[in-house]
C-alpha atoms as a PDB file:
ATOM      1  CA  MET A   1     116.462  83.969 107.446  1.00  0.00           C
ATOM      2  CA  ASP A   2     117.249  80.442 106.023  1.00  0.00           C
ATOM      3  CA  ASN A   3     116.283  78.294 109.245  1.00  0.00           C
ATOM      4  CA  ALA A   4     113.192  80.467 110.086  1.00  0.00           C
ATOM      5  CA  ILE A   5     109.559  79.321 109.559  1.00  0.00           C
ATOM      6  CA  LYS A   6     108.422  81.140 106.348  1.00  0.00           C
ATOM      7  CA  GLN A   7     105.099  82.867 107.259  1.00  0.00           C
ATOM      8  CA  PHE A   8     102.748  83.974 104.488  1.00  0.00           C
ATOM      9  CA  ILE A   9      99.408  85.912 105.547  1.00  0.00           C
ATOM     10  CA  CYS A  10      96.435  87.083 103.251  1.00  0.00           C
ATOM     11  CA  ILE A  11      93.128  88.612 104.416  1.00  0.00           C
ATOM     12  CA  ASN A  12      89.564  88.258 103.080  1.00  0.00           C
ATOM     13  CA  TRP A  13      86.440  90.241 104.235  1.00  0.00           C
ATOM     14  CA  GLY A  14      83.027  90.711 103.037  1.00  0.00           C
ATOM     15  CA  THR A  15      81.699  88.272  99.622  1.00  0.00           C
ATOM     16  CA  LYS A  16      84.113  89.753  96.803  1.00  0.00           C
ATOM     17  CA  TYR A  17      86.406  86.670  97.181  1.00  0.00           C
ATOM     18  CA  GLY A  18      85.631  83.223  98.160  1.00  0.00           C
ATOM     19  CA  ALA A  19      87.190  80.329  99.966  1.00  0.00           C
ATOM     20  CA  ASP A  20      88.396  79.089  96.550  1.00  0.00           C
ATOM     21  CA  TYR A  21      90.569  82.087  96.372  1.00  0.00           C
ATOM     22  CA  VAL A  22      92.276  81.384  99.348  1.00  0.00           C
ATOM     23  CA  ASN A  23      92.716  77.582  98.653  1.00  0.00           C
ATOM     24  CA  ARG A  24      93.830  78.582  95.329  1.00  0.00           C
ATOM     25  CA  LEU A  25      96.352  80.927  96.854  1.00  0.00           C
ATOM     26  CA  TYR A  26      97.557  78.273  99.243  1.00  0.00           C
ATOM     27  CA  GLY A  27      98.190  75.783  96.654  1.00  0.00           C
ATOM     28  CA  MET A  28     100.320  78.132  94.859  1.00  0.00           C
ATOM     29  CA  VAL A  29     102.432  79.051  97.774  1.00  0.00           C
ATOM     30  CA  ALA A  30     102.939  75.471  98.596  1.00  0.00           C
ATOM     31  CA  ARG A  31     104.107  74.397  95.247  1.00  0.00           C
ATOM     32  CA  ASN A  32     106.441  77.087  95.028  1.00  0.00           C
ATOM     33  CA  THR A  33     107.854  77.270  98.967  1.00  0.00           C
ATOM     34  CA  THR A  34     110.313  75.075 100.555  1.00  0.00           C
ATOM     35  CA  PRO A  35     109.063  74.133 103.824  1.00  0.00           C
ATOM     36  CA  PRO A  36     108.352  74.891 106.619  1.00  0.00           C
ATOM     37  CA  PHE A  37     106.177  77.658 106.119  1.00  0.00           C
ATOM     38  CA  THR A  38     102.409  78.440 107.570  1.00  0.00           C
ATOM     39  CA  PHE A  39      99.743  80.204 105.767  1.00  0.00           C
ATOM     40  CA  THR A  40      97.575  82.415 107.919  1.00  0.00           C
ATOM     41  CA  CYS A  41      94.178  84.174 106.501  1.00  0.00           C
ATOM     42  CA  PHE A  42      92.962  86.852 108.502  1.00  0.00           C
ATOM     43  CA  THR A  43      88.980  86.805 107.859  1.00  0.00           C
ATOM     44  CA  ASP A  44      85.332  87.293 108.957  1.00  0.00           C
ATOM     45  CA  ASN A  45      84.389  83.895 107.208  1.00  0.00           C
ATOM     46  CA  SER A  46      86.567  80.486 107.133  1.00  0.00           C
ATOM     47  CA  GLU A  47      84.164  78.416 105.857  1.00  0.00           C
ATOM     48  CA  GLY A  48      85.376  76.334 103.228  1.00  0.00           C
ATOM     49  CA  PHE A  49      88.988  76.595 103.749  1.00  0.00           C
ATOM     50  CA  ARG A  50      91.136  73.771 103.384  1.00  0.00           C
ATOM     51  CA  ASP A  51      92.697  72.044 106.498  1.00  0.00           C
ATOM     52  CA  GLU A  52      96.507  73.448 105.899  1.00  0.00           C
ATOM     53  CA  VAL A  53      95.173  77.050 106.159  1.00  0.00           C
ATOM     54  CA  SER A  54      94.818  78.709 109.437  1.00  0.00           C
ATOM     55  CA  ALA A  55      92.114  81.056 109.841  1.00  0.00           C
ATOM     56  CA  ALA A  56      92.386  84.107 112.143  1.00  0.00           C
ATOM     57  CA  PRO A  57      90.027  86.610 112.850  1.00  0.00           C
ATOM     58  CA  LEU A  58      90.048  90.015 111.423  1.00  0.00           C
ATOM     59  CA  PRO A  59      92.252  92.292 113.929  1.00  0.00           C
ATOM     60  CA  GLU A  60      89.972  94.502 115.515  1.00  0.00           C
ATOM     61  CA  LEU A  61      90.230  98.122 114.873  1.00  0.00           C
ATOM     62  CA  ASP A  62      88.935 101.119 117.631  1.00  0.00           C
ATOM     63  CA  PHE A  63      87.735 103.408 114.721  1.00  0.00           C
ATOM     64  CA  GLN A  64      85.681 103.545 111.661  1.00  0.00           C
ATOM     65  CA  LEU A  65      87.279 102.615 108.410  1.00  0.00           C
ATOM     66  CA  PRO A  66      86.664 105.296 105.799  1.00  0.00           C
ATOM     67  CA  VAL A  67      84.582 104.648 102.464  1.00  0.00           C
ATOM     68  CA  THR A  68      86.514 105.508  99.607  1.00  0.00           C
ATOM     69  CA  ARG A  69      86.362 104.824  95.644  1.00  0.00           C
ATOM     70  CA  LYS A  70      90.197 104.141  95.950  1.00  0.00           C
ATOM     71  CA  GLY A  71      92.523 102.252  98.055  1.00  0.00           C
ATOM     72  CA  ILE A  72      92.198  99.161 100.077  1.00  0.00           C
ATOM     73  CA  TRP A  73      92.268 100.717 103.379  1.00  0.00           C
ATOM     74  CA  PRO A  74      90.748  97.443 105.222  1.00  0.00           C
ATOM     75  CA  LYS A  75      94.190  96.154 104.631  1.00  0.00           C
ATOM     76  CA  SER A  76      95.205  98.505 107.587  1.00  0.00           C
ATOM     77  CA  ARG A  77      94.420  96.385 109.961  1.00  0.00           C
ATOM     78  CA  LEU A  78      97.602  94.159 109.343  1.00  0.00           C
ATOM     79  CA  TRP A  79      99.329  97.002 110.799  1.00  0.00           C
ATOM     80  CA  SER A  80      98.189  96.016 114.333  1.00  0.00           C
ATOM     81  CA  GLU A  81     100.677  95.315 117.046  1.00  0.00           C
ATOM     82  CA  HIS A  82      99.744  91.779 117.215  1.00  0.00           C
ATOM     83  CA  LEU A  83      98.902  89.314 114.375  1.00  0.00           C
ATOM     84  CA  ALA A  84      97.074  85.990 115.817  1.00  0.00           C
ATOM     85  CA  ASP A  85     100.107  84.295 117.175  1.00  0.00           C
ATOM     86  CA  LEU A  86     102.571  85.340 114.647  1.00  0.00           C
ATOM     87  CA  SER A  87     105.836  86.998 115.352  1.00  0.00           C
ATOM     88  CA  GLY A  88     108.765  88.481 113.224  1.00  0.00           C
ATOM     89  CA  SER A  89     108.714  88.659 109.437  1.00  0.00           C
ATOM     90  CA  VAL A  90     105.433  88.004 107.463  1.00  0.00           C
ATOM     91  CA  LEU A  91     104.968  87.885 103.768  1.00  0.00           C
ATOM     92  CA  PHE A  92     101.585  89.663 102.615  1.00  0.00           C
ATOM     93  CA  LEU A  93      99.931  88.104  99.340  1.00  0.00           C
ATOM     94  CA  ASP A  94      97.054  89.691  97.751  1.00  0.00           C
ATOM     95  CA  LEU A  95      94.218  86.663  97.045  1.00  0.00           C
ATOM     96  CA  ASP A  96      94.036  87.685  93.100  1.00  0.00           C
ATOM     97  CA  LEU A  97      97.754  87.121  92.387  1.00  0.00           C
ATOM     98  CA  VAL A  98      99.578  84.561  90.361  1.00  0.00           C
ATOM     99  CA  VAL A  99     102.366  82.770  91.931  1.00  0.00           C
ATOM    100  CA  THR A 100     105.057  81.939  88.826  1.00  0.00           C
ATOM    101  CA  GLY A 101     107.986  81.082  90.613  1.00  0.00           C
ATOM    102  CA  SER A 102     109.787  80.319  93.743  1.00  0.00           C
ATOM    103  CA  LEU A 103     108.874  82.087  96.483  1.00  0.00           C
ATOM    104  CA  ASP A 104     111.859  81.242  99.079  1.00  0.00           C
ATOM    105  CA  ASP A 105     113.934  84.344  97.826  1.00  0.00           C
ATOM    106  CA  PHE A 106     111.134  86.717  99.177  1.00  0.00           C
ATOM    107  CA  PHE A 107     112.293  85.752 102.951  1.00  0.00           C
ATOM    108  CA  ASP A 108     116.140  85.736 102.163  1.00  0.00           C
ATOM    109  CA  TYR A 109     116.166  89.358 100.555  1.00  0.00           C
ATOM    110  CA  GLY A 110     116.922  92.006 102.777  1.00  0.00           C
ATOM    111  CA  ASP A 111     117.417  92.219 106.629  1.00  0.00           C
ATOM    112  CA  PRO A 112     113.918  90.516 108.745  1.00  0.00           C
ATOM    113  CA  ASP A 113     113.485  93.777 110.149  1.00  0.00           C
ATOM    114  CA  ASP A 114     113.268  95.404 106.549  1.00  0.00           C
ATOM    115  CA  VAL A 115     109.919  96.615 105.002  1.00  0.00           C
ATOM    116  CA  ILE A 116     109.940  95.530 101.388  1.00  0.00           C
ATOM    117  CA  LEU A 117     107.321  96.333  98.807  1.00  0.00           C
ATOM    118  CA  ALA A 118     106.766  95.366  95.002  1.00  0.00           C
ATOM    119  CA  ARG A 119     107.589  98.712  92.887  1.00  0.00           C
ATOM    120  CA  ASN A 120     104.603 100.185  91.364  1.00  0.00           C
ATOM    121  CA  PRO A 121     105.275 100.679  87.460  1.00  0.00           C
ATOM    122  CA  SER A 122     102.304 103.232  87.418  1.00  0.00           C
ATOM    123  CA  ASN A 123     104.649 105.615  89.383  1.00  0.00           C
ATOM    124  CA  PRO A 124     108.094 105.263  88.555  1.00  0.00           C
ATOM    125  CA  LEU A 125     109.353 108.790  89.481  1.00  0.00           C
ATOM    126  CA  GLU A 126     107.378 108.471  92.526  1.00  0.00           C
ATOM    127  CA  LYS A 127     109.097 105.415  93.733  1.00  0.00           C
ATOM    128  CA  LEU A 128     105.844 104.214  94.761  1.00  0.00           C
ATOM    129  CA  GLY A 129     105.436 100.627  96.444  1.00  0.00           C
ATOM    130  CA  GLN A 130     102.948  98.103  95.827  1.00  0.00           C
ATOM    131  CA  THR A 131     101.480  96.233  98.793  1.00  0.00           C
ATOM    132  CA  SER A 132     100.067  93.345  96.383  1.00  0.00           C
ATOM    133  CA  VAL A 133     103.234  91.630  97.875  1.00  0.00           C
ATOM    134  CA  TYR A 134     104.993  93.147 100.907  1.00  0.00           C
ATOM    135  CA  ARG A 135     106.843  91.628 103.772  1.00  0.00           C
ATOM    136  CA  PHE A 136     107.310  93.453 107.146  1.00  0.00           C
ATOM    137  CA  PRO A 137     107.619  92.371 110.815  1.00  0.00           C
ATOM    138  CA  VAL A 138     104.844  92.058 112.972  1.00  0.00           C
ATOM    139  CA  GLY A 139     104.009  95.027 114.714  1.00  0.00           C
ATOM    140  CA  LYS A 140     106.541  97.426 112.926  1.00  0.00           C
ATOM    141  CA  LEU A 141     103.709  99.187 111.327  1.00  0.00           C
ATOM    142  CA  LEU A 142     101.718  99.929 114.053  1.00  0.00           C
ATOM    143  CA  PRO A 143     102.721 103.730 114.174  1.00  0.00           C
ATOM    144  CA  LEU A 144     100.883 103.955 110.605  1.00  0.00           C
ATOM    145  CA  LEU A 145      98.116 102.387 111.882  1.00  0.00           C
ATOM    146  CA  GLU A 146      97.863 104.877 115.317  1.00  0.00           C
ATOM    147  CA  ARG A 147      98.458 108.038 112.994  1.00  0.00           C
ATOM    148  CA  PHE A 148      95.607 106.290 110.832  1.00  0.00           C
ATOM    149  CA  SER A 149      93.188 105.982 113.474  1.00  0.00           C
ATOM    150  CA  LYS A 150      93.193 109.575 114.394  1.00  0.00           C
ATOM    151  CA  ALA A 151      92.008 111.075 111.041  1.00  0.00           C
ATOM    152  CA  PRO A 152      91.072 108.037 108.816  1.00  0.00           C
ATOM    153  CA  LEU A 153      89.279 109.830 106.160  1.00  0.00           C
ATOM    154  CA  GLU A 154      91.640 112.741 105.867  1.00  0.00           C
ATOM    155  CA  ILE A 155      94.525 110.309 105.182  1.00  0.00           C
ATOM    156  CA  ALA A 156      92.733 108.101 102.918  1.00  0.00           C
ATOM    157  CA  GLU A 157      91.685 111.418 100.850  1.00  0.00           C
ATOM    158  CA  THR A 158      95.210 112.551 101.135  1.00  0.00           C
ATOM    159  CA  TYR A 159      97.131 109.332 100.231  1.00  0.00           C
ATOM    160  CA  LYS A 160      94.550 107.912  97.783  1.00  0.00           C
ATOM    161  CA  TYR A 161      95.903 104.615  98.120  1.00  0.00           C
ATOM    162  CA  GLU A 162      97.030 102.527 101.157  1.00  0.00           C
ATOM    163  CA  GLN A 163     100.626 101.612  99.347  1.00  0.00           C
ATOM    164  CA  ARG A 164     101.383 105.262  99.036  1.00  0.00           C
ATOM    165  CA  TYR A 165     100.776 105.738 102.754  1.00  0.00           C
ATOM    166  CA  VAL A 166     102.987 102.696 103.522  1.00  0.00           C
ATOM    167  CA  THR A 167     105.873 103.715 101.124  1.00  0.00           C
ATOM    168  CA  ARG A 168     105.792 107.393 102.313  1.00  0.00           C
ATOM    169  CA  ASN A 169     105.374 106.742 106.248  1.00  0.00           C
ATOM    170  CA  ALA A 170     106.858 103.204 107.331  1.00  0.00           C
ATOM    171  CA  PRO A 171     109.249 103.454 110.086  1.00  0.00           C
ATOM    172  CA  GLY A 172     112.780 103.120 108.999  1.00  0.00           C
ATOM    173  CA  GLY A 173     111.760 103.839 105.061  1.00  0.00           C
ATOM    174  CA  VAL A 174     110.720 101.171 102.663  1.00  0.00           C
ATOM    175  CA  LYS A 175     113.107  98.886 100.159  1.00  0.00           C
ATOM    176  CA  PHE A 176     111.675  97.125  96.962  1.00  0.00           C
ATOM    177  CA  TRP A 177     111.840  93.537  95.518  1.00  0.00           C
ATOM    178  CA  PRO A 178     113.942  93.389  92.343  1.00  0.00           C
ATOM    179  CA  LYS A 179     112.120  94.616  89.590  1.00  0.00           C
ATOM    180  CA  SER A 180     111.985  91.330  87.620  1.00  0.00           C
ATOM    181  CA  TRP A 181     110.721  89.273  90.574  1.00  0.00           C
ATOM    182  CA  VAL A 182     107.159  90.820  90.917  1.00  0.00           C
ATOM    183  CA  LEU A 183     105.244  91.792  87.238  1.00  0.00           C
ATOM    184  CA  HIS A 184     102.114  94.094  86.875  1.00  0.00           C
ATOM    185  CA  PHE A 185     100.153  92.117  84.543  1.00  0.00           C
ATOM    186  CA  ARG A 186      98.351  94.782  83.057  1.00  0.00           C
ATOM    187  CA  GLN A 187     101.550  96.913  82.508  1.00  0.00           C
ATOM    188  CA  GLN A 188     104.245  94.380  82.294  1.00  0.00           C
ATOM    189  CA  CYS A 189     102.851  91.121  80.780  1.00  0.00           C
ATOM    190  CA  ARG A 190     100.228  92.082  78.490  1.00  0.00           C
ATOM    191  CA  ARG A 191     101.190  92.880  74.843  1.00  0.00           C
ATOM    192  CA  SER A 192     101.021  96.227  73.168  1.00  0.00           C
ATOM    193  CA  PHE A 193      99.054  97.099  70.332  1.00  0.00           C
ATOM    194  CA  PRO A 194      99.221  95.721  67.615  1.00  0.00           C
ATOM    195  CA  PHE A 195     101.093  92.654  68.933  1.00  0.00           C
ATOM    196  CA  ASN A 196      97.947  92.262  71.415  1.00  0.00           C
ATOM    197  CA  TYR A 197      96.068  90.943  68.619  1.00  0.00           C
ATOM    198  CA  PHE A 198      98.127  87.949  67.631  1.00  0.00           C
ATOM    199  CA  LYS A 199     100.663  86.863  70.852  1.00  0.00           C
ATOM    200  CA  ALA A 200      99.268  86.053  74.350  1.00  0.00           C
ATOM    201  CA  SER A 201     100.505  88.049  77.302  1.00  0.00           C
ATOM    202  CA  LYS A 202     104.280  87.253  78.154  1.00  0.00           C
ATOM    203  CA  LEU A 203     105.405  85.654  81.303  1.00  0.00           C
ATOM    204  CA  PRO A 204     109.571  86.447  81.763  1.00  0.00           C
ATOM    205  CA  SER A 205     111.367  83.139  83.044  1.00  0.00           C
ATOM    206  CA  SER A 206     112.490  85.768  86.221  1.00  0.00           C
ATOM    207  CA  CYS A 207     109.053  86.544  87.273  1.00  0.00           C
ATOM    208  CA  LYS A 208     108.039  84.961  90.467  1.00  0.00           C
ATOM    209  CA  LEU A 209     104.662  86.713  90.951  1.00  0.00           C
ATOM    210  CA  ALA A 210     102.291  88.734  88.583  1.00  0.00           C
ATOM    211  CA  ILE A 211     100.119  90.595  90.662  1.00  0.00           C
ATOM    212  CA  PHE A 212      96.532  92.139  89.383  1.00  0.00           C
ATOM    213  CA  PRO A 213      95.924  95.547  90.324  1.00  0.00           C
ATOM    214  CA  GLY A 214      92.710  97.368  88.879  1.00  0.00           C
ATOM    215  CA  ASP A 215      89.618  95.437  87.226  1.00  0.00           C
ATOM    216  CA  LEU A 216      91.757  93.124  85.023  1.00  0.00           C
ATOM    217  CA  ASN A 217      91.905  90.010  87.214  1.00  0.00           C
ATOM    218  CA  PRO A 218      93.247  86.061  86.702  1.00  0.00           C
ATOM    219  CA  MET A 219      89.967  84.872  85.135  1.00  0.00           C
ATOM    220  CA  ASP A 220      89.628  88.010  82.977  1.00  0.00           C
ATOM    221  CA  ALA A 221      93.190  86.876  81.554  1.00  0.00           C
ATOM    222  CA  ILE A 222      92.493  83.557  81.060  1.00  0.00           C
ATOM    223  CA  GLU A 223      89.189  84.061  78.943  1.00  0.00           C
ATOM    224  CA  GLY A 224      90.713  87.169  77.170  1.00  0.00           C
ATOM    225  CA  ARG A 225      89.043  89.814  78.758  1.00  0.00           C
ATOM    226  CA  TYR A 226      90.580  93.455  79.494  1.00  0.00           C
ATOM    227  CA  HIS A 227      87.962  94.886  81.391  1.00  0.00           C
ATOM    228  CA  ALA A 228      85.487  92.840  83.633  1.00  0.00           C
ATOM    229  CA  GLY A 229      81.976  92.734  82.123  1.00  0.00           C
ATOM    230  CA  ASP A 230      83.575  93.335  78.619  1.00  0.00           C
ATOM    231  CA  PRO A 231      82.095  90.604  75.740  1.00  0.00           C
ATOM    232  CA  LEU A 232      84.423  88.397  74.727  1.00  0.00           C
ATOM    233  CA  ARG A 233      85.436  88.561  71.229  1.00  0.00           C
ATOM    234  CA  ALA A 234      87.780  87.360  68.630  1.00  0.00           C
ATOM    235  CA  PRO A 235      90.712  89.719  67.484  1.00  0.00           C
ATOM    236  CA  MET A 236      89.084  90.561  64.253  1.00  0.00           C
ATOM    237  CA  ALA A 237      85.511  91.226  65.646  1.00  0.00           C
ATOM    238  CA  HIS A 238      87.007  93.291  68.336  1.00  0.00           C
ATOM    239  CA  ILE A 239      88.655  95.313  66.106  1.00  0.00           C
ATOM    240  CA  LYS A 240      85.259  95.704  63.860  1.00  0.00           C
ATOM    241  CA  ALA A 241      83.391  96.636  66.945  1.00  0.00           C
ATOM    242  CA  GLY A 242      85.537  99.549  67.590  1.00  0.00           C
ATOM    243  CA  PHE A 243      85.542 101.141  64.190  1.00  0.00           C
ATOM    244  CA  ARG A 244      81.554 100.690  64.214  1.00  0.00           C
ATOM    245  CA  GLY A 245      81.313 102.440  67.443  1.00  0.00           C
ATOM    246  CA  ASP A 246      80.663  99.569  69.524  1.00  0.00           C
ATOM    247  CA  ARG A 247      82.906 100.469  72.528  1.00  0.00           C
ATOM    248  CA  GLN A 248      82.807 102.012  76.115  1.00  0.00           C
ATOM    249  CA  ARG A 249      86.133 104.291  75.167  1.00  0.00           C
ATOM    250  CA  SER A 250      88.059 105.880  72.420  1.00  0.00           C
ATOM    251  CA  LEU A 251      89.068 104.003  69.228  1.00  0.00           C
ATOM    252  CA  LEU A 252      92.945 103.987  70.566  1.00  0.00           C
ATOM    253  CA  ALA A 253      91.869 102.771  74.126  1.00  0.00           C
ATOM    254  CA  HIS A 254      89.564 100.410  72.655  1.00  0.00           C
ATOM    255  CA  LEU A 255      92.452  98.848  70.420  1.00  0.00           C
ATOM    256  CA  ARG A 256      94.854  98.944  73.187  1.00  0.00           C
ATOM    257  CA  HIS A 257      92.364  97.009  75.829  1.00  0.00           C
ATOM    258  CA  TYR A 258      92.413  93.897  74.455  1.00  0.00           C
ATOM    259  CA  ILE A 259      94.075  90.539  75.102  1.00  0.00           C
ATOM    260  CA  LEU A 260      94.040  87.030  74.044  1.00  0.00           C
ATOM    261  CA  PRO A 261      93.169  84.263  76.358  1.00  0.00           C
ATOM    262  CA  THR A 262      96.626  83.570  78.537  1.00  0.00           C
ATOM    263  CA  PRO A 263      97.538  79.644  78.759  1.00  0.00           C
ATOM    264  CA  TRP A 264     100.218  80.365  81.669  1.00  0.00           C
ATOM    265  CA  VAL A 265      97.798  82.234  84.005  1.00  0.00           C
ATOM    266  CA  GLU A 266      95.367  78.856  83.534  1.00  0.00           C
ATOM    267  CA  SER A 267      98.268  76.734  83.810  1.00  0.00           C
ATOM    268  CA  LEU A 268      99.218  78.415  87.402  1.00  0.00           C
ATOM    269  CA  TRP A 269      96.438  79.658  88.918  1.00  0.00           C
ATOM    270  CA  ARG A 270      95.029  76.734  90.791  1.00  0.00           C
ATOM    271  CA  GLU A 271      94.274  75.020  93.672  1.00  0.00           C
END
């Protein structure tokens, strides 16, 4: 794929993420990708996008997406037969990840027809993939969408997360990126107790992408906040709050769920 145009895609709907997330992602991609490349955002609102971003309508569905507490099932729109004018392999990126190294290798790894996912460290024995960053040929996942359309709520409740559905049902199976390329910030970058109180989260040199599943996002990492909405506290103040009962969880979880501000996220997560 050395001579092919690298095709990046993302998806944005509703109001959770604004144009600044799309523009920031584009900026990180542009700084870490050898041209030529394209960047397409499938969206219901392209207002505020920078000129380099190609905005495309959300792929239409002929069924109602299920309302669930788990999983991000609107991503299933990208399993459509057609994605704007794109063809061949596309690399999907979540809007809230941080690019930490060159993305060129994500297009050279494996075969063009492969479906390649990040590894989910939460379920190592299950060998579960993570769709925060995954590559697939346009149209190859259509059988997943067709099956999903017949029983969307049943499938969503059975698999819980869309990445489990992709991992187990992608035509021809899935492959995974090398473990060191994509790191789960909360599980693989932050420091464990008690080091979390005096060392910022780490960034191994081999990491190319840091992903942020769950409620800890890049801005939280920048500010030093483990849970969205938690008060910002200095290390000793956080420890004291835990022992006096000013906490939302067990004392052990309170002590473990603390991070210092992360300078490398602040440096890299920018337009």
